[in-house]
């Protein structure tokens, strides 16, 4: 374990490397929330990299995710986690190997919350590794997007309540995460198909997935109406604005937004919230 101050700097550096969507919004938060959300993002990214790893087999992924989940839902022991991932140190990315460090930067009062949601996510991911990410029904899609993104919305709402006494609707919080994930599914459809992953329910075309994304993003718009703290509103509003604009770009045949469009959106959202 490194010194806390050094760890926090390394965490923000890692965040910048691994997240195009959340790095800037996290910098808007006040210090305690910034540490908590950065910790949560990196912990969740750590398990996400295990779920998506091209060189790990199905059984290895499930073992790593389920064992990590058990540790997170109980008394997390950094040495035990180190032993768990040691055999894979040559192939796992740094963000996964250093899960214990990311937990270390989390404010003490919020560590249980971050562990609980990351643990639930890891268990859900293990389940979908077993299903080989074959979504067959809308219910399957709802379940998958809950585990990998809706859970994030619920966890964030707990943090907003703790920090600013902000009450939000749980279903709308789930829709916030689910909407962002649906946009990712649309954006990555060809890449997912190439690796044998199917997130579109049977019989769905892009039109149905666009409807699904738009329905959840509409609920996400309702979700942020209950947030009255400027820094938290900025955090929530920017990824949502980017999701709306990415969806529009995809509908018009573009693969993604340009860097210039992203930068313009950041300025636009800041002006709206000021």
Protein backbone atom coordinates (compact mmCIF):
# COMPACT_ATOMS: atom_id res chain seq x y z
CA UNK A 1 0.00 0.00 0.00
CA UNK A 2 1.27 3.44 -0.84
CA UNK A 3 0.84 6.67 1.11
CA UNK A 4 -2.71 8.05 0.82
CA UNK A 5 -1.76 11.31 -0.96
CA UNK A 6 0.35 9.45 -3.54
CA UNK A 7 -2.42 6.88 -3.98
CA UNK A 8 -5.02 9.56 -4.63
CA UNK A 9 -2.86 11.11 -7.35
CA UNK A 10 -2.26 7.71 -8.92
CA UNK A 11 -5.98 6.98 -8.77
CA UNK A 12 -6.83 10.17 -10.67
CA UNK A 13 -4.11 9.38 -13.21
CA UNK A 14 -5.57 5.89 -13.67
CA UNK A 15 -9.05 7.37 -13.95
CA UNK A 16 -7.90 9.68 -16.74
CA UNK A 17 -6.40 6.70 -18.60
CA UNK A 18 -9.44 4.44 -18.24
CA UNK A 19 -12.51 6.68 -18.49
CA UNK A 20 -13.44 9.02 -21.30
CA UNK A 21 -16.92 9.55 -19.86
CA UNK A 22 -16.40 10.02 -16.13
CA UNK A 23 -12.99 11.59 -15.56
CA UNK A 24 -14.11 15.19 -16.18
CA UNK A 25 -17.40 14.87 -14.22
CA UNK A 26 -15.56 13.40 -11.22
CA UNK A 27 -13.27 16.44 -11.13
CA UNK A 28 -16.36 18.61 -10.59
CA UNK A 29 -17.18 16.94 -7.25
CA UNK A 30 -16.12 18.26 -3.86
CA UNK A 31 -13.14 16.42 -2.28
CA UNK A 32 -14.89 13.71 -0.21
CA UNK A 33 -17.29 12.73 -2.98
CA UNK A 34 -14.51 12.97 -5.54
CA UNK A 35 -12.49 10.35 -3.63
CA UNK A 36 -15.51 8.10 -3.10
CA UNK A 37 -16.69 8.19 -6.72
CA UNK A 38 -13.14 7.79 -8.08
CA UNK A 39 -12.67 4.80 -5.76
CA UNK A 40 -15.97 3.27 -6.88
CA UNK A 41 -15.28 3.83 -10.57
CA UNK A 42 -11.83 2.24 -10.39
CA UNK A 43 -13.05 -0.73 -8.32
CA UNK A 44 -15.82 -1.34 -10.84
CA UNK A 45 -13.43 -0.88 -13.74
CA UNK A 46 -11.13 -3.44 -12.10
CA UNK A 47 -13.80 -6.15 -12.22
CA UNK A 48 -15.06 -5.02 -15.64
CA UNK A 49 -11.60 -5.64 -17.09
CA UNK A 50 -11.74 -9.19 -15.71
CA UNK A 51 -15.20 -9.77 -17.24
CA UNK A 52 -14.08 -8.51 -20.67
CA UNK A 53 -10.57 -9.97 -20.75
CA UNK A 54 -9.82 -11.74 -24.02
CA UNK A 55 -7.17 -14.10 -22.61
CA UNK A 56 -9.11 -15.42 -19.62
CA UNK A 57 -11.33 -18.49 -19.95
CA UNK A 58 -14.93 -18.60 -18.77
CA UNK A 59 -14.10 -20.60 -15.63
CA UNK A 60 -11.19 -18.33 -14.73
CA UNK A 61 -13.37 -15.23 -15.12
CA UNK A 62 -16.15 -16.68 -13.00
CA UNK A 63 -13.74 -17.79 -10.29
CA UNK A 64 -12.03 -14.40 -10.12
CA UNK A 65 -15.31 -12.47 -10.12
CA UNK A 66 -17.07 -14.68 -7.56
CA UNK A 67 -14.09 -14.79 -5.20
CA UNK A 68 -13.65 -11.02 -5.48
CA UNK A 69 -17.37 -10.57 -4.80
CA UNK A 70 -17.14 -12.67 -1.61
CA UNK A 71 -14.17 -10.63 -0.39
CA UNK A 72 -15.92 -7.34 -1.07
CA UNK A 73 -19.14 -8.42 0.63
CA UNK A 74 -17.20 -9.49 3.74
CA UNK A 75 -13.98 -8.21 5.32
CA UNK A 76 -11.84 -7.42 2.30
CA UNK A 77 -8.27 -8.61 2.82
CA UNK A 78 -5.73 -7.02 0.43
CA UNK A 79 -3.31 -9.95 0.83
CA UNK A 80 -6.00 -12.46 -0.11
CA UNK A 81 -6.91 -10.46 -3.20
CA UNK A 82 -3.24 -10.22 -4.15
CA UNK A 83 -2.97 -14.02 -3.90
CA UNK A 84 -6.14 -14.43 -5.98
CA UNK A 85 -4.88 -12.36 -8.92
CA UNK A 86 -1.18 -13.30 -8.64
CA UNK A 87 -1.42 -16.16 -11.20
CA UNK A 88 -2.79 -13.66 -13.75
CA UNK A 89 -0.42 -10.76 -13.09
CA UNK A 90 1.16 -11.02 -16.54
CA UNK A 91 -2.16 -10.50 -18.35
CA UNK A 92 -4.45 -8.51 -16.04
CA UNK A 93 -4.25 -4.72 -16.39
CA UNK A 94 -2.93 -2.57 -13.57
CA UNK A 95 -6.41 -1.27 -12.71
CA UNK A 96 -7.50 -4.85 -11.86
CA UNK A 97 -4.34 -5.81 -10.00
CA UNK A 98 -4.65 -2.74 -7.74
CA UNK A 99 -8.24 -3.12 -6.55
CA UNK A 100 -7.07 -2.93 -2.93
CA UNK A 101 -5.41 0.44 -3.60
CA UNK A 102 -8.61 1.88 -5.07
CA UNK A 103 -10.53 0.82 -1.96
CA UNK A 104 -7.86 2.43 0.19
CA UNK A 105 -8.57 5.92 -1.19
CA UNK A 106 -12.29 5.68 -0.40
CA UNK A 107 -13.41 7.76 2.61
CA UNK A 108 -13.96 5.42 5.57
CA UNK A 109 -17.66 6.28 5.96
CA UNK A 110 -18.37 5.29 2.36
CA UNK A 111 -16.16 2.22 1.96
CA UNK A 112 -18.90 -0.23 2.95
CA UNK A 113 -21.20 1.25 0.29
CA UNK A 114 -18.57 1.05 -2.46
CA UNK A 115 -17.64 -2.52 -1.49
CA UNK A 116 -21.28 -3.65 -1.40
CA UNK A 117 -22.16 -2.38 -4.85
CA UNK A 118 -18.91 -3.51 -6.44
CA UNK A 119 -19.41 -6.94 -4.85
CA UNK A 120 -22.95 -7.21 -6.22
CA UNK A 121 -21.73 -6.11 -9.64
CA UNK A 122 -18.96 -8.75 -9.65
CA UNK A 123 -21.50 -11.47 -8.79
CA UNK A 124 -23.83 -10.28 -11.57
CA UNK A 125 -20.97 -10.16 -14.06
CA UNK A 126 -19.99 -13.75 -13.15
CA UNK A 127 -23.58 -14.81 -13.88
CA UNK A 128 -23.47 -13.23 -17.34
CA UNK A 129 -20.05 -14.71 -18.09
CA UNK A 130 -21.78 -18.07 -17.52
CA UNK A 131 -24.51 -17.07 -19.97
CA UNK A 132 -21.83 -16.00 -22.47
CA UNK A 133 -23.56 -12.59 -22.68
CA UNK A 134 -26.41 -13.98 -24.79
CA UNK A 135 -29.38 -11.68 -24.19
CA UNK A 136 -32.58 -13.31 -25.40
CA UNK A 137 -35.38 -11.16 -23.96
CA UNK A 138 -35.98 -7.60 -22.79
CA UNK A 139 -35.96 -8.99 -19.24
CA UNK A 140 -32.45 -10.34 -19.89
CA UNK A 141 -31.39 -6.93 -21.18
CA UNK A 142 -32.85 -5.22 -18.12
CA UNK A 143 -31.00 -7.64 -15.84
CA UNK A 144 -27.67 -7.27 -17.60
CA UNK A 145 -27.84 -3.48 -17.77
CA UNK A 146 -28.87 -3.39 -14.10
CA UNK A 147 -25.76 -5.29 -13.02
CA UNK A 148 -23.26 -3.36 -15.12
CA UNK A 149 -24.76 0.15 -14.97
CA UNK A 150 -28.06 0.48 -13.09
CA UNK A 151 -26.25 -0.52 -9.90
CA UNK A 152 -23.93 2.43 -10.41
CA UNK A 153 -26.92 4.78 -10.47
CA UNK A 154 -28.25 3.37 -7.19
CA UNK A 155 -24.85 3.57 -5.52
CA UNK A 156 -24.38 7.18 -6.61
CA UNK A 157 -27.79 8.05 -5.18
CA UNK A 158 -26.68 6.67 -1.82
CA UNK A 159 -23.59 8.86 -1.98
CA UNK A 160 -25.69 11.95 -2.85
CA UNK A 161 -27.95 11.21 0.12
CA UNK A 162 -24.99 10.81 2.47
CA UNK A 163 -23.18 13.93 1.27
CA UNK A 164 -25.97 16.40 0.46
CA UNK A 165 -29.18 14.84 1.82
CA UNK A 166 -30.51 14.55 -1.73
CA UNK A 167 -33.41 12.12 -2.16
CA UNK A 168 -33.73 10.46 -5.57
CA UNK A 169 -36.03 7.82 -7.04
CA UNK A 170 -34.39 4.37 -7.17
CA UNK A 171 -36.01 3.33 -10.45
CA UNK A 172 -34.94 6.58 -12.10
CA UNK A 173 -31.41 6.10 -10.75
CA UNK A 174 -31.31 2.65 -12.35
CA UNK A 175 -32.61 4.13 -15.62
CA UNK A 176 -29.82 6.71 -15.53
CA UNK A 177 -27.17 3.97 -15.60
CA UNK A 178 -29.20 1.77 -17.93
CA UNK A 179 -29.60 4.58 -20.50
CA UNK A 180 -25.86 5.24 -20.65
CA UNK A 181 -25.21 1.51 -21.08
CA UNK A 182 -27.80 1.17 -23.85
CA UNK A 183 -26.00 3.88 -25.80
CA UNK A 184 -22.74 1.93 -25.36
CA UNK A 185 -24.45 -1.24 -26.62
CA UNK A 186 -25.61 0.57 -29.76
CA UNK A 187 -22.19 2.11 -30.31
CA UNK A 188 -20.34 -1.20 -29.87
CA UNK A 189 -22.76 -3.54 -31.67
CA UNK A 190 -20.42 -4.59 -34.48
CA UNK A 191 -17.46 -5.08 -32.15
CA UNK A 192 -19.63 -7.14 -29.76
CA UNK A 193 -20.94 -9.29 -32.62
CA UNK A 194 -17.37 -10.03 -33.75
CA UNK A 195 -16.57 -11.48 -30.33
CA UNK A 196 -19.79 -13.51 -30.19
CA UNK A 197 -21.62 -11.30 -27.70
CA UNK A 198 -25.32 -10.54 -28.21
CA UNK A 199 -26.94 -7.74 -26.21
CA UNK A 200 -29.87 -7.21 -28.58
CA UNK A 201 -32.90 -9.31 -27.51
CA UNK A 202 -34.09 -11.81 -30.12
CA UNK A 203 -36.02 -10.09 -32.88
CA UNK A 204 -34.80 -6.60 -31.97
CA UNK A 205 -33.38 -4.31 -34.61
CA UNK A 206 -31.45 -1.11 -33.95
CA UNK A 207 -34.82 0.68 -33.88
CA UNK A 208 -35.95 -1.21 -30.77
CA UNK A 209 -32.61 -0.61 -29.04
CA UNK A 210 -32.83 3.09 -29.88
CA UNK A 211 -36.30 3.13 -28.29
CA UNK A 212 -34.94 1.34 -25.20
CA UNK A 213 -32.09 3.84 -24.89
CA UNK A 214 -34.37 6.83 -25.38
CA UNK A 215 -36.89 5.58 -22.82
CA UNK A 216 -34.20 5.18 -20.18
CA UNK A 217 -32.48 8.47 -21.02
CA UNK A 218 -35.85 10.20 -20.67
CA UNK A 219 -36.15 8.75 -17.16
CA UNK A 220 -32.57 9.86 -16.51
CA UNK A 221 -33.62 13.41 -17.43
CA UNK A 222 -36.28 13.12 -14.72
CA UNK A 223 -33.72 11.72 -12.27
CA UNK A 224 -31.46 14.76 -12.41
CA UNK A 225 -34.37 17.14 -11.74
CA UNK A 226 -34.23 16.06 -8.08
CA UNK A 227 -30.56 17.10 -7.72
CA UNK A 228 -30.02 20.59 -6.34
CA UNK A 229 -26.29 20.59 -5.53
CA UNK A 230 -24.35 22.25 -8.37
CA UNK A 231 -21.29 19.98 -8.26
CA UNK A 232 -23.41 16.81 -8.21
CA UNK A 233 -25.70 18.14 -10.94
CA UNK A 234 -22.66 18.84 -13.14
CA UNK A 235 -21.39 15.34 -12.49
CA UNK A 236 -24.71 13.75 -13.49
CA UNK A 237 -25.60 16.06 -16.34
CA UNK A 238 -22.43 15.79 -18.42
CA UNK A 239 -22.47 11.99 -19.09
CA UNK A 240 -26.20 12.28 -19.76
CA UNK A 241 -25.71 15.10 -22.28
CA UNK A 242 -22.95 13.10 -23.98
CA UNK A 243 -25.24 10.04 -24.13
CA UNK A 244 -28.06 12.04 -25.73
CA UNK A 245 -25.69 13.52 -28.30
CA UNK A 246 -24.00 10.17 -29.02
CA UNK A 247 -27.42 8.63 -29.63
CA UNK A 248 -28.24 11.45 -32.04
CA UNK A 249 -24.90 10.93 -33.82
CA UNK A 250 -25.53 7.18 -34.12
CA UNK A 251 -28.99 7.81 -35.55
CA UNK A 252 -27.49 10.04 -38.20
CA UNK A 253 -24.97 7.35 -39.18
CA UNK A 254 -21.87 8.55 -37.30
CA UNK A 255 -19.86 6.10 -35.20
CA UNK A 256 -19.34 8.54 -32.31
CA UNK A 257 -19.02 12.19 -31.36
CA UNK A 258 -15.86 14.06 -32.32
CA UNK A 259 -13.47 15.32 -29.64
CA UNK A 260 -14.49 18.87 -30.55
CA UNK A 261 -18.18 18.01 -30.00
CA UNK A 262 -17.34 16.46 -26.64
CA UNK A 263 -15.40 19.55 -25.54
CA UNK A 264 -18.22 21.82 -26.71
CA UNK A 265 -20.70 19.74 -24.68
CA UNK A 266 -18.61 20.17 -21.52
CA UNK A 267 -18.67 23.95 -21.97
CA UNK A 268 -22.40 23.89 -22.77
CA UNK A 269 -23.32 21.86 -19.67
CA UNK A 270 -21.21 24.06 -17.39
CA UNK A 271 -22.97 27.15 -18.77
CA UNK A 272 -26.40 25.56 -18.20
CA UNK A 273 -25.66 24.68 -14.59
CA UNK A 274 -24.03 28.02 -13.65
